[in-house]
Each structure stands twice: as C-alpha cells, then as structure tokens.
Protein backbone atom coordinates (compact mmCIF):
# COMPACT_ATOMS: atom_id res chain seq x y z
CA UNK A 1 -19.61 14.18 -27.45
CA UNK A 2 -17.34 11.17 -27.55
CA UNK A 3 -19.73 9.30 -25.24
CA UNK A 4 -22.59 9.81 -27.70
CA UNK A 5 -20.48 8.64 -30.63
CA UNK A 6 -19.37 5.53 -28.76
CA UNK A 7 -22.90 4.82 -27.61
CA UNK A 8 -24.28 5.26 -31.11
CA UNK A 9 -21.70 2.88 -32.55
CA UNK A 10 -22.30 0.29 -29.85
CA UNK A 11 -26.10 0.38 -30.01
CA UNK A 12 -26.70 0.89 -33.72
CA UNK A 13 -23.77 -1.34 -34.68
CA UNK A 14 -24.11 -4.00 -32.00
CA UNK A 15 -27.87 -4.58 -32.09
CA UNK A 16 -28.01 -5.68 -35.77
CA UNK A 17 -25.04 -7.99 -35.15
CA UNK A 18 -26.65 -9.49 -32.02
CA UNK A 19 -29.99 -9.81 -33.79
CA UNK A 20 -28.41 -11.91 -36.55
CA UNK A 21 -26.42 -13.92 -34.04
CA UNK A 22 -29.47 -14.67 -31.86
CA UNK A 23 -31.91 -15.02 -34.81
CA UNK A 24 -34.31 -12.37 -33.48
CA UNK A 25 -35.73 -9.22 -35.02
CA UNK A 26 -33.78 -6.02 -34.48
CA UNK A 27 -36.93 -4.23 -33.31
CA UNK A 28 -37.49 -6.90 -30.65
CA UNK A 29 -33.93 -6.57 -29.42
CA UNK A 30 -34.17 -2.76 -29.30
CA UNK A 31 -37.43 -3.12 -27.35
CA UNK A 32 -35.83 -5.60 -24.93
CA UNK A 33 -32.84 -3.33 -24.29
CA UNK A 34 -35.12 -0.32 -23.90
CA UNK A 35 -37.32 -2.05 -21.32
CA UNK A 36 -34.28 -3.21 -19.32
CA UNK A 37 -32.78 0.29 -19.35
CA UNK A 38 -36.12 1.91 -18.42
CA UNK A 39 -36.68 -0.43 -15.50
CA UNK A 40 -33.21 -0.75 -13.99
CA UNK A 41 -31.25 2.27 -15.26
CA UNK A 42 -33.71 5.15 -15.75
CA UNK A 43 -31.12 7.89 -15.11
CA UNK A 44 -28.45 6.42 -17.40
CA UNK A 45 -26.94 7.82 -20.57
CA UNK A 46 -28.40 4.88 -22.51
CA UNK A 47 -31.94 5.86 -21.48
CA UNK A 48 -31.24 9.42 -22.60
CA UNK A 49 -29.93 8.01 -25.89
CA UNK A 50 -33.20 6.10 -26.44
CA UNK A 51 -35.17 9.26 -25.69
CA UNK A 52 -33.16 11.46 -28.07
CA UNK A 53 -33.21 8.99 -30.99
CA UNK A 54 -36.38 9.68 -33.01
CA UNK A 55 -36.92 6.10 -34.21
CA UNK A 56 -36.27 4.51 -30.82
CA UNK A 57 -38.48 7.06 -29.06
CA UNK A 58 -41.26 6.49 -31.58
CA UNK A 59 -41.06 2.72 -31.02
CA UNK A 60 -41.17 3.28 -27.24
CA UNK A 61 -44.26 5.45 -27.54
CA UNK A 62 -45.98 2.89 -29.79
CA UNK A 63 -45.27 0.13 -27.26
CA UNK A 64 -46.51 2.26 -24.37
CA UNK A 65 -49.73 3.14 -26.20
CA UNK A 66 -50.34 -0.49 -27.19
CA UNK A 67 -49.82 -1.62 -23.61
CA UNK A 68 -52.11 1.12 -22.26
CA UNK A 69 -54.80 0.21 -24.77
CA UNK A 70 -54.55 -3.48 -23.88
CA UNK A 71 -54.70 -2.69 -20.14
CA UNK A 72 -57.77 -0.50 -20.67
CA UNK A 73 -59.56 -3.17 -22.70
CA UNK A 74 -58.79 -5.82 -20.09
CA UNK A 75 -59.87 -3.64 -17.17
CA UNK A 76 -63.22 -2.45 -18.51
CA UNK A 77 -66.31 -4.58 -18.59
CA UNK A 78 -68.36 -5.00 -21.72
CA UNK A 79 -71.67 -3.17 -21.69
CA UNK A 80 -74.90 -5.12 -21.52
CA UNK A 81 -77.28 -4.26 -24.30
CA UNK A 82 -80.94 -4.79 -23.47
CA UNK A 83 -83.38 -5.59 -26.25
CA UNK A 84 -85.76 -2.71 -27.06
CA UNK A 85 -89.38 -2.80 -25.94
CA UNK A 86 -92.05 -2.56 -28.65
CA UNK A 87 -95.30 -0.96 -27.53
CA UNK A 88 -98.59 -0.55 -29.35
CA UNK A 89 -101.86 1.09 -28.36
CA UNK A 90 -105.32 0.44 -29.74
CA UNK A 91 -106.73 3.10 -32.10
CA UNK A 92 -108.40 5.96 -30.24
CA UNK A 93 -111.30 6.27 -32.69
CA UNK A 94 -109.97 9.16 -34.78
CA UNK A 95 -110.15 8.91 -38.57
CA UNK A 96 -106.35 8.85 -38.96
CA UNK A 97 -105.91 6.04 -36.45
CA UNK A 98 -108.82 4.13 -37.95
CA UNK A 99 -106.97 4.19 -41.29
CA UNK A 100 -103.41 3.63 -40.03
CA UNK A 101 -103.87 1.81 -36.74
CA UNK A 102 -102.98 2.76 -33.18
CA UNK A 103 -99.86 4.38 -31.85
CA UNK A 104 -96.65 2.32 -32.01
CA UNK A 105 -93.41 3.07 -30.17
CA UNK A 106 -90.08 1.53 -29.40
CA UNK A 107 -88.20 2.27 -26.20
CA UNK A 108 -85.38 1.09 -24.00
CA UNK A 109 -84.39 1.43 -20.38
CA UNK A 110 -80.85 2.78 -20.20
CA UNK A 111 -80.59 2.75 -16.45
CA UNK A 112 -79.84 -0.30 -14.38
CA UNK A 113 -82.10 -1.17 -11.49
C-alpha cells in the first residue's frame, strides 16, 4: 500500500511540476512517461499504476486507437472508382417505346480485369 501512495504522489505531484518547468502539456508528459514505461519496463509497478488509473488508462487507449487508425489508413490503398456506363437501345416498335423512347440503362463493372 505504501508503494502505491508513494507512486501516486510522485506521478500525480511530479508530472504537473515537471510540465510547468519544461513548458509542456501535462497530457504530453504523461504520454511520454507511459510510452517509456510500456517499452522498457512493461512488468514494472509504474506500468501497473498506469493501467489501474482510469484517466491514464483511457488516455493510453485513445492513443493506441489513434495510432491503429492512422496505421490502417496509411496501409490501405484508396479504391478506384470507375465512371458508370450509360447505355441506350433504339425503340423496339411498341407503342410505349414509340412514345417514351428506347430502353436506357446505367451500369458499372465492379470487378477488375
């Protein structure tokens, strides 16, 4: 229990102080510390602290989702949209087609050759 109290005081008390001292946002500093801990000290008490703190965990999840979305957008190619084909046929001689004209249709090929 004393470890958690000390860790809470150091992180939640030290980060705002360091943020003011370094002229950076607190959220950026929390994110920086979190990424360092995740990469180099994944089994540490500090990593467990970040996981158990609701706000810090929520920020971690938001960063992970943003990074995953950016990676997905960068890795997928944009689809090619082909212009539709307009087709008409001459009237077949029926009364309706004599009045309205021949058959008209619009189509598109969705498969690539």
